[in-house]
Amino acid sequence: MYLPAITPDRATGPVRAMYDDDLARVGYVTTDTALFSLRPEVHAAWRGLAMAIRRTMRLRRYELVTIAAARALGCRACVSAHGALLLRNRIVEPAQLEAIIRDFHTAGLDPIEVALMDLAAKVAQDAQRVTPADIDALRALGLSDTEVFDVVLAAAARSFYSKTLEALGVPPSPELSETNALLDLVERVPAGSAS
């Protein structure tokens, strides 16, 4: 990490609360939370935004969309953390997670999930390339306009978070050894190219 974070033994006030929340939820302070010790109010706003978006989506769909956006941006910390969440909640098995990270098109996902992940990757890489045809294709699969909007919100929000982590060299949390082992599959994708 390019900027020094507040260490857990020196955390007080809102930073201590952030760290205690991580310790209660996952048992350690994540590397991304440590970065946001520099601006805990932004971390709180991010968590509120992420929760508002996630609340409207099924967990599986939200996490797949998040991984697609993070993968498209080359954010290893986000891919690892959200892959771990999929495993921890038994939403996918390790072999399928590896297939998803390698190429979600051939990972045994249903066509709607693949289409949503394609949209999320496109939004993250180059949002101006999204066309009415992209939206119409999702409608043809039976998705409502609100469901499409949720995917765009999730991908756009992930772009903010992933780009922040990448710009400041935040590594994946070392505690996520199972998903970190898959990160050689995550490459930075140049803007304007498809994932």
N, C-alpha and C. Protein backbone atom coordinates (compact mmCIF):
# COMPACT_ATOMS: atom_id res chain seq x y z
N MET A 1 0.86 -1.17 0.00
CA MET A 1 0.00 0.00 0.00
C MET A 1 0.90 1.23 0.00
N TYR A 2 0.54 2.18 -0.86
CA TYR A 2 1.41 3.34 -1.05
C TYR A 2 1.29 4.38 0.06
N LEU A 3 0.17 4.38 0.79
CA LEU A 3 -0.01 5.32 1.90
C LEU A 3 -0.09 4.53 3.20
N PRO A 4 0.55 5.00 4.25
CA PRO A 4 0.49 4.26 5.51
C PRO A 4 -0.88 4.40 6.17
N ALA A 5 -1.43 3.26 6.57
CA ALA A 5 -2.73 3.25 7.24
C ALA A 5 -2.53 3.31 8.75
N ILE A 6 -3.59 3.62 9.45
CA ILE A 6 -3.55 3.59 10.91
C ILE A 6 -3.56 2.12 11.33
N THR A 7 -2.62 1.74 12.14
CA THR A 7 -2.53 0.35 12.59
C THR A 7 -3.61 0.07 13.63
N PRO A 8 -4.07 -1.16 13.71
CA PRO A 8 -5.14 -1.49 14.66
C PRO A 8 -4.82 -1.10 16.10
N ASP A 9 -3.57 -1.21 16.51
CA ASP A 9 -3.22 -0.87 17.90
C ASP A 9 -3.28 0.64 18.16
N ARG A 10 -3.34 1.47 17.11
CA ARG A 10 -3.40 2.92 17.28
C ARG A 10 -4.77 3.50 16.89
N ALA A 11 -5.71 2.62 16.53
CA ALA A 11 -7.01 3.07 16.05
C ALA A 11 -7.89 3.53 17.21
N THR A 12 -8.54 4.68 17.00
CA THR A 12 -9.50 5.22 17.97
C THR A 12 -10.70 5.75 17.21
N GLY A 13 -11.76 6.05 17.90
CA GLY A 13 -12.94 6.69 17.33
C GLY A 13 -13.52 5.92 16.15
N PRO A 14 -13.85 6.63 15.05
CA PRO A 14 -14.46 5.99 13.89
C PRO A 14 -13.58 4.91 13.26
N VAL A 15 -12.26 5.10 13.31
CA VAL A 15 -11.36 4.09 12.74
C VAL A 15 -11.44 2.82 13.58
N ARG A 16 -11.44 2.96 14.90
CA ARG A 16 -11.58 1.80 15.78
C ARG A 16 -12.89 1.08 15.48
N ALA A 17 -13.97 1.84 15.26
CA ALA A 17 -15.26 1.23 14.95
C ALA A 17 -15.21 0.46 13.63
N MET A 18 -14.52 1.03 12.61
CA MET A 18 -14.36 0.34 11.33
C MET A 18 -13.62 -0.97 11.54
N TYR A 19 -12.54 -0.90 12.27
CA TYR A 19 -11.71 -2.08 12.49
C TYR A 19 -12.48 -3.13 13.30
N ASP A 20 -13.20 -2.69 14.32
CA ASP A 20 -13.99 -3.63 15.13
C ASP A 20 -15.07 -4.30 14.30
N ASP A 21 -15.66 -3.56 13.36
CA ASP A 21 -16.67 -4.15 12.48
C ASP A 21 -16.04 -5.26 11.63
N ASP A 22 -14.89 -5.00 11.05
CA ASP A 22 -14.19 -6.04 10.28
C ASP A 22 -13.87 -7.24 11.15
N LEU A 23 -13.34 -7.00 12.34
CA LEU A 23 -13.00 -8.11 13.23
C LEU A 23 -14.22 -8.95 13.57
N ALA A 24 -15.36 -8.31 13.77
CA ALA A 24 -16.59 -9.05 14.09
C ALA A 24 -17.11 -9.82 12.87
N ARG A 25 -17.02 -9.22 11.68
CA ARG A 25 -17.57 -9.85 10.47
C ARG A 25 -16.67 -10.94 9.90
N VAL A 26 -15.36 -10.66 9.79
CA VAL A 26 -14.47 -11.60 9.10
C VAL A 26 -13.29 -12.07 9.94
N GLY A 27 -13.07 -11.48 11.10
CA GLY A 27 -12.01 -11.95 11.98
C GLY A 27 -10.66 -11.27 11.81
N TYR A 28 -10.56 -10.28 10.92
CA TYR A 28 -9.31 -9.55 10.70
C TYR A 28 -9.67 -8.21 10.07
N VAL A 29 -8.73 -7.28 10.07
CA VAL A 29 -8.93 -5.99 9.42
C VAL A 29 -8.47 -6.15 7.97
N THR A 30 -9.39 -5.92 7.04
CA THR A 30 -9.07 -6.09 5.62
C THR A 30 -8.15 -4.96 5.15
N THR A 31 -7.43 -5.23 4.08
CA THR A 31 -6.50 -4.23 3.57
C THR A 31 -7.23 -2.99 3.06
N ASP A 32 -8.42 -3.18 2.49
CA ASP A 32 -9.15 -2.01 1.99
C ASP A 32 -9.68 -1.16 3.14
N THR A 33 -10.14 -1.80 4.22
CA THR A 33 -10.57 -1.04 5.39
C THR A 33 -9.39 -0.25 5.95
N ALA A 34 -8.23 -0.87 6.01
CA ALA A 34 -7.05 -0.18 6.52
C ALA A 34 -6.77 1.09 5.71
N LEU A 35 -6.87 1.01 4.38
CA LEU A 35 -6.67 2.20 3.56
C LEU A 35 -7.63 3.31 3.97
N PHE A 36 -8.89 2.95 4.16
CA PHE A 36 -9.90 3.97 4.46
C PHE A 36 -9.82 4.48 5.89
N SER A 37 -8.85 3.99 6.67
CA SER A 37 -8.61 4.58 7.99
C SER A 37 -8.19 6.04 7.83
N LEU A 38 -7.72 6.39 6.63
CA LEU A 38 -7.32 7.77 6.36
C LEU A 38 -8.53 8.69 6.18
N ARG A 39 -9.68 8.11 5.82
CA ARG A 39 -10.93 8.86 5.64
C ARG A 39 -12.11 7.98 6.04
N PRO A 40 -12.31 7.76 7.34
CA PRO A 40 -13.39 6.87 7.78
C PRO A 40 -14.78 7.34 7.35
N GLU A 41 -14.97 8.65 7.18
CA GLU A 41 -16.29 9.13 6.76
C GLU A 41 -16.59 8.70 5.32
N VAL A 42 -15.57 8.60 4.48
CA VAL A 42 -15.77 8.12 3.11
C VAL A 42 -16.07 6.62 3.14
N HIS A 43 -15.38 5.90 4.02
CA HIS A 43 -15.66 4.47 4.17
C HIS A 43 -17.11 4.25 4.59
N ALA A 44 -17.59 5.05 5.52
CA ALA A 44 -18.98 4.92 5.97
C ALA A 44 -19.94 5.23 4.83
N ALA A 45 -19.65 6.26 4.05
CA ALA A 45 -20.51 6.60 2.91
C ALA A 45 -20.47 5.48 1.87
N TRP A 46 -19.29 4.93 1.61
CA TRP A 46 -19.17 3.81 0.67
C TRP A 46 -20.01 2.63 1.14
N ARG A 47 -19.88 2.27 2.40
CA ARG A 47 -20.63 1.12 2.93
C ARG A 47 -22.13 1.37 2.78
N GLY A 48 -22.57 2.59 3.04
CA GLY A 48 -23.99 2.91 2.87
C GLY A 48 -24.44 2.76 1.43
N LEU A 49 -23.64 3.26 0.50
CA LEU A 49 -23.98 3.14 -0.92
C LEU A 49 -23.99 1.68 -1.35
N ALA A 50 -22.94 0.94 -1.00
CA ALA A 50 -22.85 -0.47 -1.39
C ALA A 50 -24.03 -1.26 -0.83
N MET A 51 -24.38 -1.01 0.42
CA MET A 51 -25.51 -1.73 1.04
C MET A 51 -26.83 -1.36 0.37
N ALA A 52 -27.02 -0.10 0.01
CA ALA A 52 -28.25 0.32 -0.66
C ALA A 52 -28.40 -0.38 -2.01
N ILE A 53 -27.31 -0.52 -2.73
CA ILE A 53 -27.35 -1.21 -4.03
C ILE A 53 -27.56 -2.70 -3.82
N ARG A 54 -26.79 -3.30 -2.92
CA ARG A 54 -26.86 -4.74 -2.69
C ARG A 54 -28.23 -5.18 -2.18
N ARG A 55 -28.86 -4.35 -1.39
CA ARG A 55 -30.17 -4.69 -0.80
C ARG A 55 -31.22 -4.98 -1.87
N THR A 56 -31.07 -4.40 -3.04
CA THR A 56 -32.08 -4.57 -4.09
C THR A 56 -31.80 -5.77 -4.99
N MET A 57 -30.66 -6.42 -4.78
CA MET A 57 -30.26 -7.53 -5.65
C MET A 57 -30.11 -8.82 -4.85
N ARG A 58 -30.31 -9.94 -5.52
CA ARG A 58 -29.96 -11.22 -4.90
C ARG A 58 -28.45 -11.26 -4.68
N LEU A 59 -28.04 -11.84 -3.56
CA LEU A 59 -26.63 -11.85 -3.21
C LEU A 59 -25.77 -12.47 -4.31
N ARG A 60 -26.18 -13.59 -4.85
CA ARG A 60 -25.40 -14.26 -5.90
C ARG A 60 -25.20 -13.32 -7.09
N ARG A 61 -26.29 -12.69 -7.52
CA ARG A 61 -26.22 -11.81 -8.68
C ARG A 61 -25.31 -10.62 -8.38
N TYR A 62 -25.45 -10.02 -7.21
CA TYR A 62 -24.62 -8.87 -6.84
C TYR A 62 -23.14 -9.26 -6.84
N GLU A 63 -22.82 -10.38 -6.25
CA GLU A 63 -21.41 -10.79 -6.17
C GLU A 63 -20.83 -11.14 -7.53
N LEU A 64 -21.61 -11.78 -8.38
CA LEU A 64 -21.11 -12.09 -9.73
C LEU A 64 -20.86 -10.81 -10.53
N VAL A 65 -21.79 -9.87 -10.44
CA VAL A 65 -21.63 -8.58 -11.12
C VAL A 65 -20.41 -7.84 -10.57
N THR A 66 -20.23 -7.89 -9.26
CA THR A 66 -19.09 -7.22 -8.63
C THR A 66 -17.78 -7.84 -9.09
N ILE A 67 -17.72 -9.16 -9.14
CA ILE A 67 -16.50 -9.82 -9.61
C ILE A 67 -16.23 -9.48 -11.07
N ALA A 68 -17.27 -9.43 -11.89
CA ALA A 68 -17.07 -9.08 -13.31
C ALA A 68 -16.49 -7.68 -13.45
N ALA A 69 -17.03 -6.73 -12.69
CA ALA A 69 -16.51 -5.36 -12.77
C ALA A 69 -15.09 -5.28 -12.22
N ALA A 70 -14.84 -5.90 -11.08
CA ALA A 70 -13.50 -5.85 -10.48
C ALA A 70 -12.48 -6.55 -11.37
N ARG A 71 -12.87 -7.67 -11.97
CA ARG A 71 -11.97 -8.40 -12.88
C ARG A 71 -11.65 -7.54 -14.10
N ALA A 72 -12.67 -6.87 -14.64
CA ALA A 72 -12.47 -6.01 -15.80
C ALA A 72 -11.50 -4.88 -15.49
N LEU A 73 -11.49 -4.43 -14.24
CA LEU A 73 -10.61 -3.35 -13.82
C LEU A 73 -9.25 -3.86 -13.33
N GLY A 74 -9.11 -5.18 -13.23
CA GLY A 74 -7.85 -5.76 -12.75
C GLY A 74 -7.63 -5.58 -11.26
N CYS A 75 -8.70 -5.42 -10.50
CA CYS A 75 -8.57 -5.19 -9.05
C CYS A 75 -8.53 -6.53 -8.32
N ARG A 76 -7.33 -6.97 -8.02
CA ARG A 76 -7.13 -8.26 -7.37
C ARG A 76 -7.72 -8.29 -5.96
N ALA A 77 -7.63 -7.19 -5.22
CA ALA A 77 -8.18 -7.16 -3.86
C ALA A 77 -9.69 -7.38 -3.88
N CYS A 78 -10.39 -6.74 -4.82
CA CYS A 78 -11.85 -6.88 -4.88
C CYS A 78 -12.25 -8.26 -5.39
N VAL A 79 -11.54 -8.79 -6.39
CA VAL A 79 -11.86 -10.13 -6.89
C VAL A 79 -11.67 -11.14 -5.77
N SER A 80 -10.58 -11.04 -5.03
CA SER A 80 -10.32 -11.98 -3.94
C SER A 80 -11.37 -11.88 -2.85
N ALA A 81 -11.68 -10.67 -2.42
CA ALA A 81 -12.66 -10.49 -1.33
C ALA A 81 -14.05 -10.98 -1.72
N HIS A 82 -14.48 -10.66 -2.92
CA HIS A 82 -15.83 -11.06 -3.33
C HIS A 82 -15.88 -12.53 -3.73
N GLY A 83 -14.77 -13.07 -4.21
CA GLY A 83 -14.70 -14.51 -4.42
C GLY A 83 -14.80 -15.25 -3.10
N ALA A 84 -14.12 -14.74 -2.08
CA ALA A 84 -14.18 -15.35 -0.75
C ALA A 84 -15.60 -15.31 -0.19
N LEU A 85 -16.30 -14.22 -0.45
CA LEU A 85 -17.68 -14.12 0.01
C LEU A 85 -18.56 -15.17 -0.67
N LEU A 86 -18.36 -15.38 -1.97
CA LEU A 86 -19.12 -16.42 -2.68
C LEU A 86 -18.85 -17.80 -2.07
N LEU A 87 -17.59 -18.06 -1.73
CA LEU A 87 -17.25 -19.36 -1.13
C LEU A 87 -17.79 -19.46 0.29
N ARG A 88 -17.59 -18.43 1.09
CA ARG A 88 -18.02 -18.45 2.50
C ARG A 88 -19.53 -18.67 2.62
N ASN A 89 -20.29 -18.11 1.69
CA ASN A 89 -21.74 -18.26 1.72
C ASN A 89 -22.22 -19.48 0.92
N ARG A 90 -21.28 -20.27 0.46
CA ARG A 90 -21.57 -21.50 -0.31
C ARG A 90 -22.46 -21.22 -1.52
N ILE A 91 -22.20 -20.11 -2.17
CA ILE A 91 -22.94 -19.74 -3.37
C ILE A 91 -22.35 -20.45 -4.58
N VAL A 92 -21.03 -20.63 -4.57
CA VAL A 92 -20.34 -21.41 -5.59
C VAL A 92 -19.31 -22.28 -4.90
N GLU A 93 -18.87 -23.31 -5.60
CA GLU A 93 -17.79 -24.18 -5.13
C GLU A 93 -16.46 -23.61 -5.64
N PRO A 94 -15.35 -24.01 -5.01
CA PRO A 94 -14.04 -23.48 -5.45
C PRO A 94 -13.75 -23.67 -6.94
N ALA A 95 -14.09 -24.84 -7.49
CA ALA A 95 -13.80 -25.07 -8.92
C ALA A 95 -14.59 -24.11 -9.80
N GLN A 96 -15.85 -23.85 -9.44
CA GLN A 96 -16.63 -22.92 -10.25
C GLN A 96 -16.12 -21.50 -10.09
N LEU A 97 -15.69 -21.13 -8.88
CA LEU A 97 -15.13 -19.79 -8.70
C LEU A 97 -13.91 -19.61 -9.59
N GLU A 98 -13.05 -20.60 -9.63
CA GLU A 98 -11.88 -20.51 -10.51
C GLU A 98 -12.30 -20.33 -11.96
N ALA A 99 -13.32 -21.08 -12.39
CA ALA A 99 -13.82 -20.95 -13.77
C ALA A 99 -14.40 -19.56 -14.01
N ILE A 100 -15.10 -19.01 -13.03
CA ILE A 100 -15.68 -17.67 -13.16
C ILE A 100 -14.57 -16.63 -13.32
N ILE A 101 -13.55 -16.74 -12.51
CA ILE A 101 -12.45 -15.76 -12.59
C ILE A 101 -11.67 -15.94 -13.88
N ARG A 102 -11.52 -17.17 -14.33
CA ARG A 102 -10.79 -17.43 -15.57
C ARG A 102 -11.56 -16.86 -16.76
N ASP A 103 -12.83 -17.24 -16.91
CA ASP A 103 -13.68 -16.76 -18.01
C ASP A 103 -15.12 -17.12 -17.67
N PHE A 104 -15.85 -16.15 -17.18
CA PHE A 104 -17.21 -16.44 -16.71
C PHE A 104 -18.12 -16.94 -17.83
N HIS A 105 -17.75 -16.73 -19.07
CA HIS A 105 -18.56 -17.21 -20.19
C HIS A 105 -18.59 -18.74 -20.25
N THR A 106 -17.57 -19.38 -19.72
CA THR A 106 -17.47 -20.85 -19.78
C THR A 106 -17.50 -21.47 -18.39
N ALA A 107 -18.13 -20.79 -17.43
CA ALA A 107 -18.10 -21.24 -16.04
C ALA A 107 -19.39 -21.94 -15.60
N GLY A 108 -20.26 -22.28 -16.54
CA GLY A 108 -21.48 -22.99 -16.17
C GLY A 108 -22.55 -22.11 -15.53
N LEU A 109 -22.47 -20.82 -15.77
CA LEU A 109 -23.48 -19.89 -15.24
C LEU A 109 -24.67 -19.86 -16.18
N ASP A 110 -25.81 -19.42 -15.65
CA ASP A 110 -26.97 -19.34 -16.55
C ASP A 110 -26.83 -18.12 -17.46
N PRO A 111 -27.53 -18.14 -18.60
CA PRO A 111 -27.36 -17.06 -19.59
C PRO A 111 -27.64 -15.66 -19.04
N ILE A 112 -28.56 -15.52 -18.11
CA ILE A 112 -28.84 -14.20 -17.53
C ILE A 112 -27.63 -13.72 -16.73
N GLU A 113 -27.03 -14.61 -15.94
CA GLU A 113 -25.85 -14.22 -15.16
C GLU A 113 -24.70 -13.79 -16.08
N VAL A 114 -24.48 -14.52 -17.14
CA VAL A 114 -23.41 -14.16 -18.09
C VAL A 114 -23.71 -12.80 -18.71
N ALA A 115 -24.95 -12.56 -19.10
CA ALA A 115 -25.32 -11.28 -19.71
C ALA A 115 -25.13 -10.13 -18.72
N LEU A 116 -25.50 -10.35 -17.46
CA LEU A 116 -25.32 -9.31 -16.45
C LEU A 116 -23.83 -9.03 -16.21
N MET A 117 -23.04 -10.08 -16.20
CA MET A 117 -21.60 -9.91 -16.00
C MET A 117 -20.97 -9.21 -17.19
N ASP A 118 -21.45 -9.51 -18.39
CA ASP A 118 -20.96 -8.80 -19.58
C ASP A 118 -21.25 -7.30 -19.46
N LEU A 119 -22.47 -6.97 -19.05
CA LEU A 119 -22.82 -5.55 -18.89
C LEU A 119 -21.94 -4.91 -17.82
N ALA A 120 -21.77 -5.58 -16.70
CA ALA A 120 -20.95 -5.02 -15.61
C ALA A 120 -19.52 -4.77 -16.08
N ALA A 121 -18.95 -5.72 -16.81
CA ALA A 121 -17.58 -5.55 -17.32
C ALA A 121 -17.51 -4.38 -18.28
N LYS A 122 -18.52 -4.24 -19.14
CA LYS A 122 -18.54 -3.14 -20.11
C LYS A 122 -18.65 -1.79 -19.40
N VAL A 123 -19.50 -1.72 -18.39
CA VAL A 123 -19.64 -0.48 -17.62
C VAL A 123 -18.31 -0.13 -16.96
N ALA A 124 -17.67 -1.12 -16.35
CA ALA A 124 -16.41 -0.86 -15.64
C ALA A 124 -15.29 -0.46 -16.59
N GLN A 125 -15.22 -1.08 -17.75
CA GLN A 125 -14.13 -0.80 -18.69
C GLN A 125 -14.32 0.49 -19.46
N ASP A 126 -15.53 0.69 -19.96
CA ASP A 126 -15.75 1.82 -20.86
C ASP A 126 -17.25 2.06 -20.98
N ALA A 127 -17.82 2.71 -20.00
CA ALA A 127 -19.28 2.85 -19.90
C ALA A 127 -19.91 3.50 -21.13
N GLN A 128 -19.19 4.35 -21.83
CA GLN A 128 -19.78 5.00 -23.00
C GLN A 128 -20.04 4.03 -24.14
N ARG A 129 -19.48 2.82 -24.05
CA ARG A 129 -19.73 1.80 -25.07
C ARG A 129 -21.05 1.06 -24.86
N VAL A 130 -21.70 1.25 -23.71
CA VAL A 130 -23.01 0.62 -23.49
C VAL A 130 -24.01 1.27 -24.44
N THR A 131 -24.79 0.44 -25.12
CA THR A 131 -25.75 0.93 -26.11
C THR A 131 -27.17 0.50 -25.76
N PRO A 132 -28.16 1.08 -26.39
CA PRO A 132 -29.52 0.61 -26.19
C PRO A 132 -29.67 -0.89 -26.50
N ALA A 133 -28.89 -1.39 -27.45
CA ALA A 133 -28.96 -2.82 -27.79
C ALA A 133 -28.54 -3.68 -26.60
N ASP A 134 -27.55 -3.21 -25.82
CA ASP A 134 -27.13 -3.96 -24.63
C ASP A 134 -28.29 -4.07 -23.64
N ILE A 135 -28.99 -2.97 -23.46
CA ILE A 135 -30.12 -2.95 -22.52
C ILE A 135 -31.26 -3.79 -23.06
N ASP A 136 -31.56 -3.67 -24.34
CA ASP A 136 -32.63 -4.46 -24.95
C ASP A 136 -32.37 -5.95 -24.85
N ALA A 137 -31.10 -6.35 -24.96
CA ALA A 137 -30.75 -7.77 -24.85
C ALA A 137 -31.09 -8.30 -23.46
N LEU A 138 -30.88 -7.48 -22.44
CA LEU A 138 -31.22 -7.90 -21.08
C LEU A 138 -32.73 -7.95 -20.88
N ARG A 139 -33.43 -6.99 -21.45
CA ARG A 139 -34.89 -7.02 -21.38
C ARG A 139 -35.42 -8.29 -22.06
N ALA A 140 -34.81 -8.67 -23.18
CA ALA A 140 -35.24 -9.87 -23.90
C ALA A 140 -35.04 -11.13 -23.06
N LEU A 141 -34.12 -11.08 -22.11
CA LEU A 141 -33.92 -12.21 -21.19
C LEU A 141 -34.89 -12.17 -20.01
N GLY A 142 -35.75 -11.16 -19.99
CA GLY A 142 -36.76 -11.07 -18.94
C GLY A 142 -36.42 -10.16 -17.78
N LEU A 143 -35.34 -9.40 -17.90
CA LEU A 143 -34.97 -8.49 -16.81
C LEU A 143 -35.76 -7.20 -16.88
N SER A 144 -36.11 -6.70 -15.72
CA SER A 144 -36.83 -5.43 -15.65
C SER A 144 -35.82 -4.29 -15.78
N ASP A 145 -36.34 -3.11 -16.07
CA ASP A 145 -35.47 -1.93 -16.16
C ASP A 145 -34.78 -1.68 -14.82
N THR A 146 -35.47 -1.93 -13.72
CA THR A 146 -34.89 -1.74 -12.39
C THR A 146 -33.74 -2.72 -12.17
N GLU A 147 -33.88 -3.95 -12.62
CA GLU A 147 -32.80 -4.93 -12.47
C GLU A 147 -31.58 -4.53 -13.29
N VAL A 148 -31.81 -4.01 -14.47
CA VAL A 148 -30.69 -3.54 -15.31
C VAL A 148 -30.02 -2.35 -14.63
N PHE A 149 -30.81 -1.43 -14.11
CA PHE A 149 -30.27 -0.26 -13.42
C PHE A 149 -29.42 -0.69 -12.23
N ASP A 150 -29.88 -1.70 -11.48
CA ASP A 150 -29.12 -2.19 -10.32
C ASP A 150 -27.74 -2.70 -10.74
N VAL A 151 -27.67 -3.38 -11.85
CA VAL A 151 -26.39 -3.90 -12.34
C VAL A 151 -25.46 -2.74 -12.69
N VAL A 152 -25.97 -1.74 -13.37
CA VAL A 152 -25.15 -0.58 -13.72
C VAL A 152 -24.68 0.14 -12.45
N LEU A 153 -25.57 0.29 -11.49
CA LEU A 153 -25.17 0.91 -10.22
C LEU A 153 -24.06 0.12 -9.54
N ALA A 154 -24.21 -1.19 -9.48
CA ALA A 154 -23.21 -2.04 -8.81
C ALA A 154 -21.86 -1.94 -9.52
N ALA A 155 -21.86 -1.98 -10.85
CA ALA A 155 -20.61 -1.91 -11.61
C ALA A 155 -19.97 -0.53 -11.50
N ALA A 156 -20.77 0.52 -11.58
CA ALA A 156 -20.22 1.87 -11.48
C ALA A 156 -19.66 2.14 -10.08
N ALA A 157 -20.37 1.69 -9.06
CA ALA A 157 -19.87 1.85 -7.69
C ALA A 157 -18.58 1.05 -7.49
N ARG A 158 -18.54 -0.17 -8.02
CA ARG A 158 -17.33 -0.99 -7.90
C ARG A 158 -16.17 -0.31 -8.60
N SER A 159 -16.43 0.40 -9.68
CA SER A 159 -15.37 1.11 -10.38
C SER A 159 -14.71 2.14 -9.46
N PHE A 160 -15.52 2.89 -8.73
CA PHE A 160 -14.97 3.85 -7.77
C PHE A 160 -14.07 3.13 -6.76
N TYR A 161 -14.59 2.08 -6.17
CA TYR A 161 -13.86 1.42 -5.09
C TYR A 161 -12.61 0.72 -5.61
N SER A 162 -12.75 -0.04 -6.68
CA SER A 162 -11.60 -0.77 -7.23
C SER A 162 -10.52 0.18 -7.71
N LYS A 163 -10.91 1.26 -8.36
CA LYS A 163 -9.91 2.22 -8.85
C LYS A 163 -9.19 2.90 -7.69
N THR A 164 -9.90 3.15 -6.60
CA THR A 164 -9.25 3.72 -5.42
C THR A 164 -8.20 2.76 -4.88
N LEU A 165 -8.56 1.49 -4.74
CA LEU A 165 -7.62 0.50 -4.22
C LEU A 165 -6.43 0.32 -5.14
N GLU A 166 -6.69 0.24 -6.44
CA GLU A 166 -5.60 0.04 -7.40
C GLU A 166 -4.67 1.25 -7.45
N ALA A 167 -5.23 2.46 -7.41
CA ALA A 167 -4.40 3.66 -7.48
C ALA A 167 -3.46 3.79 -6.30
N LEU A 168 -3.82 3.17 -5.17
CA LEU A 168 -3.01 3.30 -3.97
C LEU A 168 -2.34 1.99 -3.57
N GLY A 169 -2.29 1.04 -4.51
CA GLY A 169 -1.52 -0.18 -4.31
C GLY A 169 -2.00 -1.08 -3.19
N VAL A 170 -3.31 -1.14 -2.97
CA VAL A 170 -3.84 -1.97 -1.89
C VAL A 170 -3.83 -3.44 -2.34
N PRO A 171 -3.09 -4.28 -1.62
CA PRO A 171 -3.04 -5.70 -1.99
C PRO A 171 -4.26 -6.44 -1.46
N PRO A 172 -4.51 -7.64 -1.97
CA PRO A 172 -5.55 -8.46 -1.38
C PRO A 172 -5.21 -8.76 0.08
N SER A 173 -6.22 -8.96 0.89
CA SER A 173 -5.97 -9.33 2.28
C SER A 173 -5.28 -10.69 2.33
N PRO A 174 -4.15 -10.81 3.01
CA PRO A 174 -3.40 -12.06 3.02
C PRO A 174 -4.18 -13.23 3.63
N GLU A 175 -5.16 -12.95 4.45
CA GLU A 175 -5.97 -14.00 5.08
C GLU A 175 -6.80 -14.78 4.07
N LEU A 176 -6.97 -14.25 2.87
CA LEU A 176 -7.82 -14.89 1.85
C LEU A 176 -6.98 -15.80 0.95
N SER A 177 -6.26 -16.70 1.55
CA SER A 177 -5.31 -17.52 0.78
C SER A 177 -5.99 -18.34 -0.31
N GLU A 178 -7.20 -18.85 -0.06
CA GLU A 178 -7.86 -19.68 -1.07
C GLU A 178 -8.17 -18.88 -2.33
N THR A 179 -8.70 -17.68 -2.17
CA THR A 179 -9.02 -16.89 -3.36
C THR A 179 -7.79 -16.15 -3.89
N ASN A 180 -6.85 -15.82 -3.03
CA ASN A 180 -5.63 -15.17 -3.52
C ASN A 180 -4.85 -16.09 -4.45
N ALA A 181 -4.99 -17.40 -4.25
CA ALA A 181 -4.29 -18.36 -5.11
C ALA A 181 -4.79 -18.29 -6.56
N LEU A 182 -5.98 -17.71 -6.77
CA LEU A 182 -6.56 -17.62 -8.11
C LEU A 182 -6.22 -16.30 -8.82
N LEU A 183 -5.52 -15.43 -8.16
CA LEU A 183 -5.37 -14.07 -8.68
C LEU A 183 -4.43 -13.95 -9.87
N ASP A 184 -3.68 -14.99 -10.16
CA ASP A 184 -2.88 -14.94 -11.39
C ASP A 184 -3.79 -14.92 -12.62
N LEU A 185 -5.07 -15.27 -12.42
CA LEU A 185 -6.04 -15.24 -13.52
C LEU A 185 -6.58 -13.84 -13.79
N VAL A 186 -6.29 -12.91 -12.89
CA VAL A 186 -6.80 -11.55 -13.01
C VAL A 186 -5.73 -10.67 -13.61
N GLU A 187 -6.02 -10.14 -14.78
CA GLU A 187 -5.08 -9.24 -15.45
C GLU A 187 -5.76 -7.90 -15.67
N ARG A 188 -4.98 -6.89 -15.73
CA ARG A 188 -5.54 -5.60 -16.09
C ARG A 188 -5.92 -5.63 -17.55
N VAL A 189 -7.13 -5.20 -17.82
CA VAL A 189 -7.65 -5.21 -19.20
C VAL A 189 -7.61 -3.78 -19.71
N PRO A 190 -6.95 -3.52 -20.83
CA PRO A 190 -6.90 -2.15 -21.34
C PRO A 190 -8.28 -1.59 -21.63
N ALA A 191 -8.48 -0.33 -21.34
CA ALA A 191 -9.77 0.32 -21.62
C ALA A 191 -10.12 0.15 -23.09
N GLY A 192 -11.39 -0.10 -23.32
CA GLY A 192 -11.87 -0.23 -24.69
C GLY A 192 -11.82 -1.63 -25.24
N SER A 193 -11.29 -2.59 -24.46
CA SER A 193 -11.29 -3.98 -24.93
C SER A 193 -12.28 -4.79 -24.13
N ALA A 194 -12.81 -5.84 -24.70
CA ALA A 194 -13.79 -6.67 -24.02
C ALA A 194 -13.08 -7.65 -23.11
N SER A 195 -13.78 -8.05 -22.03
CA SER A 195 -13.20 -9.06 -21.15
C SER A 195 -13.62 -10.43 -21.57
